[in-house]
Amino acid sequence: MHATQTRTTTGARQSEFTLELEDCGVPISNSEIPITVSVDRHQTSRVIHIERKHTWIVEANPLGTAELTGVYNNDEEVSLPSTVPNWISAAVGVLGIDEVSL
């Protein structure tokens, strides 16, 4: 996994990396997904953007839990799924997040 890290003008940190879902135990071949993590300057929350067919927005707190807060298709918001897809939980697990809810 290759990661780059930048700092925004507001003092937030932003990391970008690509993750292979098979490496997280999700049996989907050729499932490389780009992930962008933004951390506010007070380090109280992380906003995670996952690109896989849509843009999935996950907001995480320092306690290791998170909430799926949005799904976008070409900048248009689409409905949240009825449950959090398993691959999202696996993907954010590499960031130390144990639970994702709606």
C-alpha atoms as a PDB file:
ATOM      1  CA  MET A   1       0.000   0.000   0.000  1.00  0.00           C
ATOM      2  CA  HIS A   2       1.519   3.322  -1.112  1.00  0.00           C
ATOM      3  CA  ALA A   3       0.453   6.422   0.812  1.00  0.00           C
ATOM      4  CA  THR A   4       0.983  10.140   0.317  1.00  0.00           C
ATOM      5  CA  GLN A   5       0.321  12.773   2.949  1.00  0.00           C
ATOM      6  CA  THR A   6      -0.341  16.504   2.550  1.00  0.00           C
ATOM      7  CA  ARG A   7      -1.441  19.361   4.788  1.00  0.00           C
ATOM      8  CA  THR A   8      -4.262  21.661   3.671  1.00  0.00           C
ATOM      9  CA  THR A   9      -4.454  25.433   4.124  1.00  0.00           C
ATOM     10  CA  THR A  10      -6.826  24.951   7.079  1.00  0.00           C
ATOM     11  CA  GLY A  11      -4.235  22.840   8.892  1.00  0.00           C
ATOM     12  CA  ALA A  12      -6.013  19.556   8.226  1.00  0.00           C
ATOM     13  CA  ARG A  13      -3.936  16.563   7.202  1.00  0.00           C
ATOM     14  CA  GLN A  14      -4.860  14.499   4.199  1.00  0.00           C
ATOM     15  CA  SER A  15      -3.583  11.022   3.327  1.00  0.00           C
ATOM     16  CA  GLU A  16      -4.237   9.134   0.120  1.00  0.00           C
ATOM     17  CA  PHE A  17      -3.597   5.464  -0.521  1.00  0.00           C
ATOM     18  CA  THR A  18      -4.795   2.566  -2.604  1.00  0.00           C
ATOM     19  CA  LEU A  19      -6.002  -0.612  -0.966  1.00  0.00           C
ATOM     20  CA  GLU A  20      -6.577  -4.068  -2.438  1.00  0.00           C
ATOM     21  CA  LEU A  21      -9.731  -5.478  -0.830  1.00  0.00           C
ATOM     22  CA  GLU A  22      -8.459  -9.051  -1.172  1.00  0.00           C
ATOM     23  CA  ASP A  23      -5.652  -8.063   1.231  1.00  0.00           C
ATOM     24  CA  CYS A  24      -8.360  -7.226   3.807  1.00  0.00           C
ATOM     25  CA  GLY A  25     -10.034 -10.610   3.502  1.00  0.00           C
ATOM     26  CA  VAL A  26     -12.768  -9.547   1.078  1.00  0.00           C
ATOM     27  CA  PRO A  27     -12.967 -12.190  -1.684  1.00  0.00           C
ATOM     28  CA  ILE A  28     -13.227  -9.749  -4.600  1.00  0.00           C
ATOM     29  CA  SER A  29     -10.443  -9.991  -7.159  1.00  0.00           C
ATOM     30  CA  ASN A  30      -9.088  -6.909  -8.918  1.00  0.00           C
ATOM     31  CA  SER A  31     -10.614  -4.713  -6.251  1.00  0.00           C
ATOM     32  CA  GLU A  32      -8.077  -1.935  -5.865  1.00  0.00           C
ATOM     33  CA  ILE A  33      -9.764   1.116  -4.351  1.00  0.00           C
ATOM     34  CA  PRO A  34      -8.397   4.613  -3.714  1.00  0.00           C
ATOM     35  CA  ILE A  35      -9.010   5.994  -0.234  1.00  0.00           C
ATOM     36  CA  THR A  36      -8.548   9.580   0.971  1.00  0.00           C
ATOM     37  CA  VAL A  37      -8.513  10.328   4.694  1.00  0.00           C
ATOM     38  CA  SER A  38      -8.818  13.902   5.979  1.00  0.00           C
ATOM     39  CA  VAL A  39      -8.094  14.630   9.631  1.00  0.00           C
ATOM     40  CA  ASP A  40      -9.140  17.967  11.108  1.00  0.00           C
ATOM     41  CA  ARG A  41      -6.420  20.030  12.734  1.00  0.00           C
ATOM     42  CA  HIS A  42      -7.734  19.221  16.204  1.00  0.00           C
ATOM     43  CA  GLN A  43      -7.635  15.480  15.359  1.00  0.00           C
ATOM     44  CA  THR A  44     -11.157  14.953  16.665  1.00  0.00           C
ATOM     45  CA  SER A  45     -12.571  13.366  13.518  1.00  0.00           C
ATOM     46  CA  ARG A  46     -11.568  11.777  10.238  1.00  0.00           C
ATOM     47  CA  VAL A  47     -13.500  12.009   6.999  1.00  0.00           C
ATOM     48  CA  ILE A  48     -12.798   9.058   4.716  1.00  0.00           C
ATOM     49  CA  HIS A  49     -13.606   9.081   0.997  1.00  0.00           C
ATOM     50  CA  ILE A  50     -13.634   5.650  -0.655  1.00  0.00           C
ATOM     51  CA  GLU A  51     -13.905   5.398  -4.439  1.00  0.00           C
ATOM     52  CA  ARG A  52     -15.612   2.199  -5.594  1.00  0.00           C
ATOM     53  CA  LYS A  53     -18.344   2.585  -8.234  1.00  0.00           C
ATOM     54  CA  HIS A  54     -19.544   5.545  -6.129  1.00  0.00           C
ATOM     55  CA  THR A  55     -17.872   7.854  -3.645  1.00  0.00           C
ATOM     56  CA  TRP A  56     -18.575   6.567  -0.138  1.00  0.00           C
ATOM     57  CA  ILE A  57     -18.189   9.009   2.781  1.00  0.00           C
ATOM     58  CA  VAL A  58     -17.376   7.612   6.219  1.00  0.00           C
ATOM     59  CA  GLU A  59     -16.916   9.876   9.248  1.00  0.00           C
ATOM     60  CA  ALA A  60     -14.831   8.359  12.022  1.00  0.00           C
ATOM     61  CA  ASN A  61     -14.199   9.394  15.612  1.00  0.00           C
ATOM     62  CA  PRO A  62     -11.076   8.765  17.708  1.00  0.00           C
ATOM     63  CA  LEU A  63     -12.803   5.892  19.544  1.00  0.00           C
ATOM     64  CA  GLY A  64     -12.569   3.533  16.557  1.00  0.00           C
ATOM     65  CA  THR A  65     -16.170   3.768  15.401  1.00  0.00           C
ATOM     66  CA  ALA A  66     -17.570   5.458  12.309  1.00  0.00           C
ATOM     67  CA  GLU A  67     -20.731   6.278  10.417  1.00  0.00           C
ATOM     68  CA  LEU A  68     -21.460   5.941   6.706  1.00  0.00           C
ATOM     69  CA  THR A  69     -22.835   9.422   6.035  1.00  0.00           C
ATOM     70  CA  GLY A  70     -23.080   9.690   2.274  1.00  0.00           C
ATOM     71  CA  VAL A  71     -22.899   8.008  -1.110  1.00  0.00           C
ATOM     72  CA  TYR A  72     -22.342  10.019  -4.280  1.00  0.00           C
ATOM     73  CA  ASN A  73     -22.437   9.215  -7.989  1.00  0.00           C
ATOM     74  CA  ASN A  74     -20.814  11.918 -10.118  1.00  0.00           C
ATOM     75  CA  ASP A  75     -21.354  14.540  -7.387  1.00  0.00           C
ATOM     76  CA  GLU A  76     -25.048  13.645  -7.001  1.00  0.00           C
ATOM     77  CA  GLU A  77     -26.070  12.159  -3.681  1.00  0.00           C
ATOM     78  CA  VAL A  78     -27.701   8.732  -3.862  1.00  0.00           C
ATOM     79  CA  SER A  79     -29.580   6.831  -1.162  1.00  0.00           C
ATOM     80  CA  LEU A  80     -27.668   5.147   1.607  1.00  0.00           C
ATOM     81  CA  PRO A  81     -27.852   1.352   1.518  1.00  0.00           C
ATOM     82  CA  SER A  82     -29.978  -0.425   4.120  1.00  0.00           C
ATOM     83  CA  THR A  83     -26.812  -1.949   5.631  1.00  0.00           C
ATOM     84  CA  VAL A  84     -23.131  -1.045   5.525  1.00  0.00           C
ATOM     85  CA  PRO A  85     -21.401  -3.123   2.826  1.00  0.00           C
ATOM     86  CA  ASN A  86     -18.907  -5.611   4.307  1.00  0.00           C
ATOM     87  CA  TRP A  87     -16.119  -4.345   2.075  1.00  0.00           C
ATOM     88  CA  ILE A  88     -16.384  -0.859   3.659  1.00  0.00           C
ATOM     89  CA  SER A  89     -15.870  -2.275   7.153  1.00  0.00           C
ATOM     90  CA  ALA A  90     -12.878  -4.254   5.889  1.00  0.00           C
ATOM     91  CA  ALA A  91     -11.382  -1.235   4.092  1.00  0.00           C
ATOM     92  CA  VAL A  92     -11.588   1.128   7.074  1.00  0.00           C
ATOM     93  CA  GLY A  93     -10.388  -1.624   9.396  1.00  0.00           C
ATOM     94  CA  VAL A  94      -6.848  -0.908   8.187  1.00  0.00           C
ATOM     95  CA  LEU A  95      -7.296   2.561   9.721  1.00  0.00           C
ATOM     96  CA  GLY A  96      -8.124   1.130  13.152  1.00  0.00           C
ATOM     97  CA  ILE A  97     -11.890   1.522  12.817  1.00  0.00           C
ATOM     98  CA  ASP A  98     -13.704  -1.404  14.407  1.00  0.00           C
ATOM     99  CA  GLU A  99     -17.329  -0.564  13.607  1.00  0.00           C
ATOM    100  CA  VAL A 100     -19.203   1.326  10.882  1.00  0.00           C
ATOM    101  CA  SER A 101     -22.904   2.129  11.255  1.00  0.00           C
ATOM    102  CA  LEU A 102     -25.486   4.045   9.251  1.00  0.00           C
END
